[in-house]
């Protein structure tokens, strides 16, 4: 699995703009490359973000999710892992201070995994 660098940069930018609240979006793309974020209506606060999956248009390949933590801890919470298990196979958490290296990737069980960043 690969992800475009501009997708990570966009997620970090949105996290900075949303701070101190969390944000959440879906990861989509094609041929094993995450190329876009899908934004659906969501509710967010300083400790959680809940996405309304019932608003997802038909026809999208969902690889997983991306959301922010307004703390420097990129580790998934038990609630994050519950969400991971329902929505895709790749899950990214971006965390404060939302710099190029302030993110981590997890599988649906919350185990850290690597993902190749491409231009």
N, C-alpha and C. Protein backbone atom coordinates (compact mmCIF):
# COMPACT_ATOMS: atom_id res chain seq x y z
N UNK A 1 0.85 -1.17 0.00
CA UNK A 1 0.00 0.00 0.00
C UNK A 1 0.90 1.24 0.00
N UNK A 2 0.45 2.25 -0.75
CA UNK A 2 1.19 3.51 -0.87
C UNK A 2 0.23 4.68 -0.65
N UNK A 3 0.81 5.82 -0.31
CA UNK A 3 0.02 7.03 -0.14
C UNK A 3 0.77 8.20 -0.76
N UNK A 4 0.05 9.07 -1.41
CA UNK A 4 0.67 10.26 -1.99
C UNK A 4 1.03 11.26 -0.89
N UNK A 5 2.20 11.85 -1.02
CA UNK A 5 2.70 12.81 -0.04
C UNK A 5 1.72 13.97 0.16
N UNK A 6 1.07 14.43 -0.91
CA UNK A 6 0.15 15.56 -0.78
C UNK A 6 -1.08 15.20 0.05
N UNK A 7 -1.45 13.92 0.12
CA UNK A 7 -2.57 13.49 0.95
C UNK A 7 -2.19 13.62 2.43
N UNK A 8 -0.99 13.18 2.78
CA UNK A 8 -0.51 13.34 4.16
C UNK A 8 -0.41 14.82 4.51
N UNK A 9 0.13 15.62 3.61
CA UNK A 9 0.26 17.06 3.88
C UNK A 9 -1.10 17.71 4.08
N UNK A 10 -2.09 17.32 3.28
CA UNK A 10 -3.44 17.85 3.43
C UNK A 10 -4.02 17.47 4.79
N UNK A 11 -3.85 16.21 5.19
CA UNK A 11 -4.36 15.78 6.50
C UNK A 11 -3.72 16.57 7.63
N UNK A 12 -2.42 16.81 7.54
CA UNK A 12 -1.72 17.59 8.56
C UNK A 12 -2.22 19.04 8.58
N UNK A 13 -2.45 19.61 7.42
CA UNK A 13 -2.95 20.98 7.34
C UNK A 13 -4.35 21.09 7.95
N UNK A 14 -5.21 20.15 7.64
CA UNK A 14 -6.57 20.17 8.19
C UNK A 14 -6.53 19.98 9.70
N UNK A 15 -5.64 19.11 10.17
CA UNK A 15 -5.50 18.91 11.62
C UNK A 15 -5.08 20.21 12.30
N UNK A 16 -4.14 20.94 11.70
CA UNK A 16 -3.72 22.23 12.27
C UNK A 16 -4.89 23.21 12.32
N UNK A 17 -5.67 23.24 11.25
CA UNK A 17 -6.82 24.16 11.19
C UNK A 17 -7.92 23.76 12.17
N UNK A 18 -8.07 22.46 12.43
CA UNK A 18 -9.11 21.96 13.32
C UNK A 18 -8.73 22.05 14.80
N UNK A 19 -7.44 22.15 15.07
CA UNK A 19 -6.94 22.16 16.43
C UNK A 19 -7.62 23.23 17.28
N UNK A 20 -8.08 22.94 18.50
CA UNK A 20 -7.79 21.77 19.31
C UNK A 20 -8.77 20.62 19.12
N UNK A 21 -9.68 20.73 18.17
CA UNK A 21 -10.61 19.64 17.91
C UNK A 21 -10.00 18.62 16.97
N UNK A 22 -10.51 17.41 17.02
CA UNK A 22 -10.10 16.37 16.10
C UNK A 22 -10.84 16.55 14.77
N UNK A 23 -10.33 15.90 13.73
CA UNK A 23 -11.05 15.79 12.48
C UNK A 23 -10.94 14.33 12.04
N UNK A 24 -11.82 13.93 11.12
CA UNK A 24 -11.78 12.58 10.58
C UNK A 24 -12.19 12.61 9.11
N UNK A 25 -11.54 11.77 8.31
CA UNK A 25 -11.87 11.63 6.89
C UNK A 25 -11.57 10.19 6.48
N UNK A 26 -12.01 9.85 5.28
CA UNK A 26 -11.77 8.52 4.73
C UNK A 26 -10.65 8.58 3.70
N UNK A 27 -9.94 7.47 3.55
CA UNK A 27 -8.86 7.35 2.58
C UNK A 27 -9.37 6.58 1.37
N UNK A 28 -9.16 7.12 0.17
CA UNK A 28 -9.59 6.46 -1.05
C UNK A 28 -8.50 6.59 -2.11
N UNK A 29 -8.65 5.82 -3.15
CA UNK A 29 -7.69 5.85 -4.25
C UNK A 29 -7.97 4.70 -5.19
N UNK A 30 -6.90 4.27 -5.86
CA UNK A 30 -7.05 3.16 -6.79
C UNK A 30 -5.73 2.42 -6.94
N UNK A 31 -5.84 1.17 -7.28
CA UNK A 31 -4.67 0.32 -7.53
C UNK A 31 -3.67 0.33 -6.37
N UNK A 32 -4.19 0.31 -5.13
CA UNK A 32 -3.32 0.25 -3.97
C UNK A 32 -2.62 1.55 -3.61
N UNK A 33 -3.05 2.66 -4.21
CA UNK A 33 -2.46 3.96 -3.90
C UNK A 33 -3.54 4.88 -3.33
N UNK A 34 -3.31 5.37 -2.12
CA UNK A 34 -4.22 6.33 -1.50
C UNK A 34 -3.94 7.68 -2.14
N UNK A 35 -4.98 8.23 -2.80
CA UNK A 35 -4.81 9.46 -3.57
C UNK A 35 -5.66 10.63 -3.09
N UNK A 36 -6.67 10.33 -2.25
CA UNK A 36 -7.61 11.38 -1.86
C UNK A 36 -8.16 11.14 -0.47
N UNK A 37 -8.67 12.22 0.10
CA UNK A 37 -9.45 12.15 1.32
C UNK A 37 -10.91 12.39 0.97
N UNK A 38 -11.79 11.65 1.59
CA UNK A 38 -13.23 11.88 1.44
C UNK A 38 -13.73 12.45 2.76
N UNK A 39 -14.36 13.60 2.68
CA UNK A 39 -14.91 14.24 3.86
C UNK A 39 -16.41 14.04 3.88
N UNK A 40 -16.88 13.43 4.94
CA UNK A 40 -18.30 13.26 5.20
C UNK A 40 -18.65 14.10 6.42
N UNK A 41 -19.93 14.38 6.63
CA UNK A 41 -20.29 15.07 7.87
C UNK A 41 -19.76 14.29 9.07
N UNK A 42 -19.24 15.03 10.05
CA UNK A 42 -18.75 14.39 11.26
C UNK A 42 -18.94 15.33 12.45
N UNK A 43 -18.93 14.73 13.63
CA UNK A 43 -19.00 15.48 14.87
C UNK A 43 -17.63 15.38 15.52
N UNK A 44 -17.11 16.49 16.01
CA UNK A 44 -15.76 16.46 16.59
C UNK A 44 -15.67 17.36 17.81
N UNK A 45 -14.79 16.96 18.69
CA UNK A 45 -14.45 17.73 19.87
C UNK A 45 -12.98 17.56 20.14
N UNK A 46 -12.56 17.89 21.35
CA UNK A 46 -11.15 17.79 21.70
C UNK A 46 -10.71 16.37 21.99
N UNK A 47 -11.66 15.45 22.16
CA UNK A 47 -11.29 14.07 22.51
C UNK A 47 -11.86 13.01 21.56
N UNK A 48 -12.63 13.42 20.57
CA UNK A 48 -13.19 12.42 19.66
C UNK A 48 -13.68 13.05 18.36
N UNK A 49 -13.85 12.19 17.37
CA UNK A 49 -14.47 12.57 16.10
C UNK A 49 -15.28 11.37 15.62
N UNK A 50 -16.52 11.61 15.25
CA UNK A 50 -17.42 10.55 14.80
C UNK A 50 -17.88 10.88 13.39
N UNK A 51 -17.63 9.98 12.46
CA UNK A 51 -17.98 10.20 11.05
C UNK A 51 -19.32 9.53 10.74
N UNK A 52 -20.08 10.15 9.87
CA UNK A 52 -21.40 9.63 9.48
C UNK A 52 -21.26 8.83 8.18
N UNK A 53 -20.94 7.56 8.32
CA UNK A 53 -20.69 6.68 7.17
C UNK A 53 -21.92 6.50 6.29
N UNK A 54 -23.11 6.73 6.83
CA UNK A 54 -24.32 6.58 6.03
C UNK A 54 -24.41 7.63 4.92
N UNK A 55 -23.54 8.63 4.94
CA UNK A 55 -23.54 9.67 3.92
C UNK A 55 -22.55 9.39 2.79
N UNK A 56 -21.87 8.23 2.82
CA UNK A 56 -20.88 7.89 1.80
C UNK A 56 -21.56 7.62 0.46
N UNK A 57 -21.17 8.34 -0.59
CA UNK A 57 -21.73 8.06 -1.92
C UNK A 57 -21.27 6.68 -2.41
N UNK A 58 -22.05 6.08 -3.26
CA UNK A 58 -21.70 4.78 -3.84
C UNK A 58 -20.50 4.90 -4.77
N UNK A 59 -19.75 3.82 -4.89
CA UNK A 59 -18.71 3.74 -5.89
C UNK A 59 -17.30 4.07 -5.43
N UNK A 60 -17.11 4.39 -4.16
CA UNK A 60 -15.77 4.70 -3.67
C UNK A 60 -15.12 3.46 -3.05
N UNK A 61 -13.84 3.28 -3.33
CA UNK A 61 -13.04 2.25 -2.68
C UNK A 61 -12.46 2.89 -1.42
N UNK A 62 -12.88 2.43 -0.27
CA UNK A 62 -12.40 2.97 1.00
C UNK A 62 -11.27 2.09 1.52
N UNK A 63 -10.07 2.66 1.60
CA UNK A 63 -8.93 1.94 2.14
C UNK A 63 -8.87 2.02 3.65
N UNK A 64 -9.42 3.09 4.22
CA UNK A 64 -9.37 3.25 5.67
C UNK A 64 -9.72 4.67 6.07
N UNK A 65 -9.14 5.10 7.20
CA UNK A 65 -9.47 6.40 7.78
C UNK A 65 -8.21 7.18 8.11
N UNK A 66 -8.40 8.46 8.30
CA UNK A 66 -7.37 9.34 8.86
C UNK A 66 -8.08 10.26 9.84
N UNK A 67 -7.46 10.42 11.00
CA UNK A 67 -8.00 11.38 11.95
C UNK A 67 -6.86 11.97 12.77
N UNK A 68 -7.19 13.03 13.49
CA UNK A 68 -6.16 13.74 14.25
C UNK A 68 -6.32 13.51 15.74
N UNK A 69 -5.20 13.63 16.42
CA UNK A 69 -5.15 13.70 17.88
C UNK A 69 -4.54 15.05 18.23
N UNK A 70 -5.22 15.86 19.03
CA UNK A 70 -4.67 17.18 19.38
C UNK A 70 -3.56 17.12 20.43
N UNK A 71 -3.06 15.92 20.70
CA UNK A 71 -1.92 15.74 21.60
C UNK A 71 -0.76 15.17 20.78
N UNK A 72 0.44 15.11 21.34
CA UNK A 72 1.57 14.54 20.59
C UNK A 72 1.57 13.01 20.56
N UNK A 73 0.50 12.38 21.02
CA UNK A 73 0.40 10.92 21.07
C UNK A 73 -0.36 10.41 19.85
N UNK A 74 0.35 9.71 18.96
CA UNK A 74 -0.29 9.15 17.76
C UNK A 74 -0.81 7.73 17.98
N UNK A 75 -0.73 7.22 19.19
CA UNK A 75 -1.21 5.85 19.45
C UNK A 75 -2.73 5.80 19.42
N UNK A 76 -3.29 4.72 18.88
CA UNK A 76 -4.75 4.61 18.83
C UNK A 76 -5.35 4.29 20.20
N UNK A 77 -6.49 4.89 20.46
CA UNK A 77 -7.25 4.61 21.68
C UNK A 77 -8.10 3.35 21.44
N UNK A 78 -8.68 2.78 22.48
CA UNK A 78 -9.62 1.65 22.26
C UNK A 78 -10.77 2.03 21.33
N UNK A 79 -11.25 3.28 21.42
CA UNK A 79 -12.33 3.73 20.53
C UNK A 79 -11.83 3.81 19.09
N UNK A 80 -10.58 4.24 18.90
CA UNK A 80 -10.00 4.28 17.55
C UNK A 80 -9.97 2.87 16.95
N UNK A 81 -9.53 1.91 17.73
CA UNK A 81 -9.43 0.53 17.23
C UNK A 81 -10.81 -0.02 16.87
N UNK A 82 -11.82 0.32 17.64
CA UNK A 82 -13.19 -0.09 17.29
C UNK A 82 -13.57 0.45 15.92
N UNK A 83 -13.24 1.71 15.68
CA UNK A 83 -13.53 2.31 14.37
C UNK A 83 -12.70 1.65 13.28
N UNK A 84 -11.41 1.40 13.55
CA UNK A 84 -10.52 0.76 12.56
C UNK A 84 -11.11 -0.55 12.08
N UNK A 85 -11.65 -1.33 12.99
CA UNK A 85 -12.17 -2.66 12.64
C UNK A 85 -13.37 -2.59 11.70
N UNK A 86 -14.05 -1.46 11.66
CA UNK A 86 -15.25 -1.32 10.84
C UNK A 86 -15.00 -0.72 9.47
N UNK A 87 -13.90 0.02 9.29
CA UNK A 87 -13.76 0.84 8.10
C UNK A 87 -12.38 0.71 7.45
N UNK A 88 -12.15 -0.33 6.69
CA UNK A 88 -10.94 -0.43 5.89
C UNK A 88 -9.79 -1.15 6.56
N UNK A 89 -8.61 -1.04 5.92
CA UNK A 89 -7.44 -1.79 6.37
C UNK A 89 -6.25 -0.91 6.76
N UNK A 90 -6.28 0.37 6.39
CA UNK A 90 -5.19 1.31 6.68
C UNK A 90 -5.78 2.48 7.46
N UNK A 91 -5.13 2.81 8.57
CA UNK A 91 -5.64 3.90 9.40
C UNK A 91 -4.48 4.78 9.83
N UNK A 92 -4.64 6.07 9.59
CA UNK A 92 -3.58 7.03 9.88
C UNK A 92 -4.06 7.96 10.98
N UNK A 93 -3.18 8.18 11.95
CA UNK A 93 -3.43 9.18 12.99
C UNK A 93 -2.35 10.25 12.85
N UNK A 94 -2.78 11.49 12.68
CA UNK A 94 -1.86 12.63 12.68
C UNK A 94 -1.98 13.29 14.05
N UNK A 95 -0.85 13.69 14.62
CA UNK A 95 -0.88 14.23 15.97
C UNK A 95 -0.09 15.53 16.06
N UNK A 96 -0.40 16.26 17.11
CA UNK A 96 0.25 17.55 17.38
C UNK A 96 1.75 17.35 17.47
N UNK A 97 2.58 18.17 16.88
CA UNK A 97 2.32 19.50 16.32
C UNK A 97 1.98 19.51 14.83
N UNK A 98 1.60 18.35 14.29
CA UNK A 98 1.15 18.24 12.89
C UNK A 98 2.24 18.61 11.89
N UNK A 99 3.46 18.16 12.16
CA UNK A 99 4.58 18.36 11.25
C UNK A 99 4.69 17.13 10.34
N UNK A 100 5.58 17.18 9.38
CA UNK A 100 5.73 16.11 8.38
C UNK A 100 5.96 14.73 9.01
N UNK A 101 6.51 14.68 10.21
CA UNK A 101 6.77 13.39 10.84
C UNK A 101 5.85 13.11 12.03
N UNK A 102 4.75 13.87 12.15
CA UNK A 102 3.80 13.71 13.25
C UNK A 102 2.60 12.87 12.84
N UNK A 103 2.87 11.66 12.38
CA UNK A 103 1.78 10.77 12.01
C UNK A 103 2.25 9.33 12.08
N UNK A 104 1.28 8.43 12.18
CA UNK A 104 1.57 7.00 12.22
C UNK A 104 0.45 6.24 11.53
N UNK A 105 0.77 5.05 11.08
CA UNK A 105 -0.17 4.23 10.33
C UNK A 105 -0.38 2.91 11.07
N UNK A 106 -1.63 2.43 11.04
CA UNK A 106 -2.01 1.22 11.77
C UNK A 106 -2.89 0.32 10.91
N UNK A 107 -2.88 -0.98 11.24
CA UNK A 107 -3.82 -1.90 10.61
C UNK A 107 -5.14 -1.86 11.37
N UNK A 108 -6.10 -2.68 10.96
CA UNK A 108 -7.42 -2.60 11.57
C UNK A 108 -7.46 -3.07 13.01
N UNK A 109 -6.40 -3.74 13.47
CA UNK A 109 -6.31 -4.17 14.87
C UNK A 109 -5.53 -3.18 15.73
N UNK A 110 -5.02 -2.12 15.13
CA UNK A 110 -4.28 -1.11 15.87
C UNK A 110 -2.79 -1.37 15.95
N UNK A 111 -2.30 -2.33 15.16
CA UNK A 111 -0.86 -2.61 15.11
C UNK A 111 -0.18 -1.63 14.17
N UNK A 112 0.98 -1.08 14.57
CA UNK A 112 1.70 -0.17 13.68
C UNK A 112 2.12 -0.88 12.40
N UNK A 113 1.96 -0.20 11.28
CA UNK A 113 2.39 -0.74 9.98
C UNK A 113 3.09 0.36 9.21
N UNK A 114 3.83 -0.04 8.20
CA UNK A 114 4.50 0.92 7.33
C UNK A 114 3.67 1.13 6.07
N UNK A 115 3.74 2.32 5.56
CA UNK A 115 3.10 2.65 4.29
C UNK A 115 4.10 3.50 3.51
N UNK A 116 4.24 3.21 2.24
CA UNK A 116 5.20 3.95 1.40
C UNK A 116 4.59 5.27 0.98
N UNK A 117 5.32 6.35 1.20
CA UNK A 117 4.90 7.69 0.77
C UNK A 117 5.54 7.97 -0.57
N UNK A 118 4.70 8.32 -1.54
CA UNK A 118 5.17 8.60 -2.90
C UNK A 118 4.78 10.01 -3.32
N UNK A 119 5.54 10.57 -4.30
CA UNK A 119 5.21 11.90 -4.81
C UNK A 119 4.23 11.86 -5.95
